[in-house]
Protein backbone atom coordinates (compact mmCIF):
# COMPACT_ATOMS: atom_id res chain seq x y z
CA UNK A 1 8.90 -5.03 2.54
CA UNK A 2 5.85 -7.12 3.34
CA UNK A 3 3.27 -8.57 0.96
CA UNK A 4 -0.34 -7.29 0.75
CA UNK A 5 -2.11 -8.25 4.18
CA UNK A 6 -5.84 -9.23 3.73
CA UNK A 7 -8.62 -9.69 6.17
CA UNK A 8 -11.47 -11.97 4.84
CA UNK A 9 -15.01 -11.90 6.40
CA UNK A 10 -16.66 -15.32 5.11
CA UNK A 11 -19.06 -17.26 6.98
CA UNK A 12 -18.98 -20.40 4.67
CA UNK A 13 -16.36 -22.85 5.74
CA UNK A 14 -15.78 -24.12 2.06
CA UNK A 15 -15.47 -20.47 0.46
CA UNK A 16 -13.08 -19.61 3.35
CA UNK A 17 -10.80 -22.37 2.68
CA UNK A 18 -10.91 -21.73 -1.10
CA UNK A 19 -10.14 -17.97 -0.52
CA UNK A 20 -7.29 -18.80 1.76
CA UNK A 21 -5.77 -20.92 -0.93
CA UNK A 22 -6.22 -18.42 -3.52
CA UNK A 23 -4.55 -15.56 -1.50
CA UNK A 24 -1.48 -17.89 -0.57
CA UNK A 25 -1.24 -18.80 -4.27
CA UNK A 26 -0.86 -15.05 -5.28
CA UNK A 27 1.56 -14.41 -2.50
CA UNK A 28 -0.26 -12.25 -0.21
CA UNK A 29 -1.01 -12.77 3.45
CA UNK A 30 -4.23 -13.65 4.95
CA UNK A 31 -4.15 -12.37 8.48
CA UNK A 32 -7.64 -13.91 9.31
CA UNK A 33 -10.75 -15.23 8.12
CA UNK A 34 -13.65 -14.08 10.42
CA UNK A 35 -17.15 -15.79 10.38
CA UNK A 36 -18.95 -12.97 12.05
CA UNK A 37 -18.85 -9.06 12.43
CA UNK A 38 -17.59 -9.46 15.86
CA UNK A 39 -14.87 -11.57 15.04
CA UNK A 40 -13.97 -9.24 12.01
CA UNK A 41 -13.93 -6.25 14.23
CA UNK A 42 -11.29 -7.59 16.71
CA UNK A 43 -9.31 -8.88 13.82
CA UNK A 44 -9.54 -5.52 12.14
CA UNK A 45 -8.26 -3.82 15.08
CA UNK A 46 -5.58 -6.30 16.09
CA UNK A 47 -4.04 -7.15 12.60
CA UNK A 48 -4.34 -3.84 10.76
CA UNK A 49 -4.86 -5.46 7.35
CA UNK A 50 -4.13 -3.55 4.07
CA UNK A 51 -7.40 -4.77 2.29
CA UNK A 52 -10.77 -6.15 3.19
CA UNK A 53 -12.63 -8.94 1.55
CA UNK A 54 -16.09 -9.08 2.62
CA UNK A 55 -18.89 -11.44 2.04
CA UNK A 56 -22.02 -9.32 1.90
CA UNK A 57 -24.58 -11.90 3.59
CA UNK A 58 -23.36 -12.88 7.07
CA UNK A 59 -25.17 -14.72 9.77
CA UNK A 60 -26.07 -12.42 12.45
CA UNK A 61 -27.53 -9.00 12.99
CA UNK A 62 -24.81 -7.21 11.03
CA UNK A 63 -24.16 -8.05 7.41
CA UNK A 64 -21.25 -7.18 5.40
CA UNK A 65 -22.40 -3.80 4.13
CA UNK A 66 -23.07 -2.47 7.66
CA UNK A 67 -19.83 -4.13 8.73
CA UNK A 68 -17.85 -2.42 6.04
CA UNK A 69 -19.30 1.09 7.12
CA UNK A 70 -18.32 0.22 10.78
CA UNK A 71 -14.85 -0.77 9.88
CA UNK A 72 -14.05 2.00 7.36
CA UNK A 73 -14.89 4.66 9.94
CA UNK A 74 -12.19 3.41 12.06
CA UNK A 75 -9.54 3.29 9.37
CA UNK A 76 -9.85 3.74 5.48
CA UNK A 77 -8.59 0.63 3.61
CA UNK A 78 -9.50 -0.71 0.10
CA UNK A 79 -12.76 -2.86 0.23
CA UNK A 80 -13.75 -5.63 -1.88
CA UNK A 81 -17.29 -7.33 -1.60
CA UNK A 82 -17.81 -11.11 -2.16
CA UNK A 83 -21.18 -12.38 -2.79
CA UNK A 84 -23.33 -14.82 -4.77
CA UNK A 85 -26.22 -12.43 -4.94
CA UNK A 86 -26.51 -10.68 -8.02
CA UNK A 87 -29.50 -8.76 -7.26
CA UNK A 88 -29.79 -5.10 -8.00
CA UNK A 89 -30.99 -4.21 -4.51
CA UNK A 90 -27.85 -5.87 -2.94
CA UNK A 91 -25.55 -4.14 -5.46
CA UNK A 92 -27.06 -0.70 -4.60
CA UNK A 93 -26.86 -1.24 -0.88
CA UNK A 94 -23.11 -2.28 -1.28
CA UNK A 95 -22.20 0.75 -3.25
CA UNK A 96 -22.92 2.83 -0.06
CA UNK A 97 -19.80 1.58 1.35
CA UNK A 98 -17.53 2.63 -1.36
CA UNK A 99 -15.98 -0.71 -2.61
CA UNK A 100 -13.50 -0.71 -5.06
CA UNK A 101 -14.47 -4.26 -6.55
CA UNK A 102 -17.66 -6.38 -6.40
CA UNK A 103 -16.65 -10.24 -7.08
CA UNK A 104 -19.51 -12.60 -7.72
CA UNK A 105 -18.95 -16.12 -6.46
CA UNK A 106 -17.43 -18.26 -7.88
CA UNK A 107 -14.67 -16.18 -8.95
CA UNK A 108 -11.21 -17.54 -9.88
CA UNK A 109 -7.58 -16.52 -8.77
CA UNK A 110 -6.81 -14.37 -11.69
CA UNK A 111 -9.86 -12.33 -11.24
CA UNK A 112 -9.01 -12.01 -7.40
CA UNK A 113 -5.52 -10.84 -8.46
CA UNK A 114 -6.90 -8.22 -10.66
CA UNK A 115 -9.51 -6.94 -8.15
CA UNK A 116 -6.83 -6.68 -5.40
CA UNK A 117 -4.45 -4.55 -7.78
CA UNK A 118 -7.42 -2.36 -8.90
CA UNK A 119 -8.47 -1.76 -5.31
CA UNK A 120 -4.91 -0.51 -4.24
CA UNK A 121 -4.63 1.70 -7.37
CA UNK A 122 -8.35 3.08 -7.10
CA UNK A 123 -7.68 3.51 -3.14
CA UNK A 124 -4.71 5.60 -3.81
CA UNK A 125 -6.41 7.76 -6.46
CA UNK A 126 -9.40 8.34 -4.29
CA UNK A 127 -7.46 9.06 -1.17
CA UNK A 128 -5.80 12.43 -2.50
CA UNK A 129 -3.07 14.10 -0.68
CA UNK A 130 0.26 12.22 -0.57
CA UNK A 131 -1.12 9.36 -2.63
CA UNK A 132 -0.91 8.41 -6.37
CA UNK A 133 -0.96 5.56 -8.84
CA UNK A 134 2.05 4.97 -10.99
CA UNK A 135 2.22 3.87 -14.70
CA UNK A 136 3.22 0.32 -13.75
CA UNK A 137 0.40 -0.58 -11.29
CA UNK A 138 2.43 0.77 -8.31
CA UNK A 139 0.94 3.10 -5.88
CA UNK A 140 1.63 5.56 -3.05
CA UNK A 141 -0.46 5.70 0.19
CA UNK A 142 0.38 8.03 2.96
CA UNK A 143 2.73 5.78 4.69
CA UNK A 144 3.96 3.40 1.97
CA UNK A 145 4.62 2.52 -1.58
CA UNK A 146 2.79 -0.45 -3.25
CA UNK A 147 5.41 -1.83 -5.65
CA UNK A 148 4.95 -4.36 -8.27
CA UNK A 149 7.42 -7.20 -7.67
CA UNK A 150 7.26 -10.68 -9.28
CA UNK A 151 3.67 -10.33 -10.37
CA UNK A 152 2.36 -9.07 -7.22
CA UNK A 153 2.12 -5.96 -4.83
CA UNK A 154 4.51 -5.77 -2.02
CA UNK A 155 4.29 -2.74 0.58
CA UNK A 156 7.57 -0.73 1.16
CA UNK A 157 7.04 1.55 4.17
CA UNK A 158 8.67 5.05 3.74
CA UNK A 159 10.33 4.35 7.10
CA UNK A 160 12.35 1.64 5.43
CA UNK A 161 13.44 3.46 2.40
CA UNK A 162 17.03 5.08 2.60
CA UNK A 163 17.24 6.77 -0.84
CA UNK A 164 15.75 6.97 -4.27
CA UNK A 165 17.94 7.12 -7.50
CA UNK A 166 16.49 7.83 -11.08
CA UNK A 167 17.49 6.90 -14.64
CA UNK A 168 14.87 9.09 -16.02
CA UNK A 169 12.20 6.44 -16.96
CA UNK A 170 12.53 4.34 -13.58
CA UNK A 171 13.07 5.28 -9.96
CA UNK A 172 14.93 2.71 -7.76
CA UNK A 173 13.74 2.62 -4.26
CA UNK A 174 16.62 1.45 -1.93
CA UNK A 175 16.15 -0.11 1.51
CA UNK A 176 18.76 -1.69 3.64
CA UNK A 177 17.97 -5.15 2.17
CA UNK A 178 16.33 -4.51 -1.37
CA UNK A 179 15.98 -2.55 -4.29
CA UNK A 180 12.65 -1.88 -5.97
CA UNK A 181 11.92 0.02 -9.46
CA UNK A 182 8.74 2.12 -10.21
CA UNK A 183 8.09 3.58 -13.42
CA UNK A 184 8.00 7.15 -12.80
CA UNK A 185 10.27 10.31 -12.89
CA UNK A 186 11.99 11.60 -9.93
CA UNK A 187 10.65 14.92 -10.21
CA UNK A 188 7.02 13.56 -10.59
CA UNK A 189 7.49 11.17 -7.65
CA UNK A 190 9.19 13.99 -5.48
CA UNK A 191 5.93 15.90 -5.92
CA UNK A 192 3.82 13.15 -4.57
CA UNK A 193 6.04 11.95 -1.80
CA UNK A 194 5.08 13.46 1.80
CA UNK A 195 6.57 17.00 2.37
CA UNK A 196 9.84 17.58 4.24
CA UNK A 197 10.65 13.68 4.41
CA UNK A 198 12.88 13.29 1.42
CA UNK A 199 15.60 15.72 0.42
CA UNK A 200 17.40 15.84 -3.06
CA UNK A 201 21.23 15.39 -2.88
CA UNK A 202 21.95 15.44 -6.60
CA UNK A 203 19.97 15.71 -9.75
CA UNK A 204 19.07 12.10 -9.88
CA UNK A 205 18.82 11.12 -6.22
CA UNK A 206 16.76 11.70 -2.97
CA UNK A 207 17.62 10.75 0.55
CA UNK A 208 15.52 10.19 3.50
CA UNK A 209 16.16 12.79 6.19
CA UNK A 210 15.41 10.45 9.01
CA UNK A 211 17.78 7.89 7.83
CA UNK A 212 21.12 10.23 7.65
CA UNK A 213 23.60 9.27 10.14
CA UNK A 214 26.30 11.63 9.18
CA UNK A 215 27.00 14.22 6.42
CA UNK A 216 30.72 14.30 5.39
CA UNK A 217 31.16 17.81 3.88
CA UNK A 218 34.85 17.07 2.99
CA UNK A 219 33.90 14.07 0.90
CA UNK A 220 30.46 15.37 -0.04
CA UNK A 221 28.42 12.34 0.75
CA UNK A 222 25.86 11.30 3.23
CA UNK A 223 25.91 7.95 5.27
CA UNK A 224 22.52 6.24 5.65
CA UNK A 225 22.71 3.24 8.09
CA UNK A 226 25.97 2.08 6.49
CA UNK A 227 25.44 3.10 2.77
CA UNK A 228 27.16 6.17 1.49
CA UNK A 229 25.30 8.16 -1.00
CA UNK A 230 27.30 11.21 -2.97
CA UNK A 231 26.02 14.70 -2.58
CA UNK A 232 26.19 17.10 -5.41
CA UNK A 233 27.85 20.54 -4.78
CA UNK A 234 24.92 22.54 -5.90
CA UNK A 235 22.82 20.53 -3.33
CA UNK A 236 24.64 20.76 -0.21
CA UNK A 237 23.41 23.86 1.11
CA UNK A 238 19.84 22.92 0.63
CA UNK A 239 20.60 19.47 2.42
CA UNK A 240 21.86 21.42 5.45
CA UNK A 241 19.01 23.80 5.57
CA UNK A 242 16.67 20.55 5.58
CA UNK A 243 18.75 18.87 8.42
CA UNK A 244 18.34 21.98 10.52
CA UNK A 245 14.49 22.22 10.07
CA UNK A 246 14.51 18.36 10.48
CA UNK A 247 16.21 18.82 13.96
């Protein structure tokens, strides 16, 4: 589990300090604050942020819109523009980069929080494939869940998930040390997860194939890094077929 990791590009020192404070208050991680396009390029490559917060008007030859286009060519992430310029010309230029939010300075903490949640949700919806937004504001992207936890979104990588269990309305996501809940049926979630990564072991449970250490056919259970999960008799053969393909 990790909080959303944000990279900010802001050349106004006072605004950069305020933004850092707001991000920390929301429980997210600001991996860096770049003042120039060159600094932003280096931080984007080194830190691999989840979201970009870009001031449109930057000092130097490359402004925030051009920088956004360059960074998004390297890796697609949700983008939020920050600006004090409310002109139509600036807005239309910014749209070319496909931002998920456009915040006019000064903005408050609650507005930033909503923009971040909307950016993640819209990014998941726009990316297609193994991505989706869920009813409770959580989202799936190609390598992780973004799960609502204590009024914020945290990133839970598929690699860290051991198993998933449903009670019809919610699905519990189990890792070695935490359990998270998302509002969706297991059937709907199974359709959105990457193919051949998780396998159903009973009507209300999926396990991650890569996490299976042992299959106990006598006791009808799988061991996942020290955790035992029962296997329904009707699902045992399908589990074994998946394990053969996985090998």
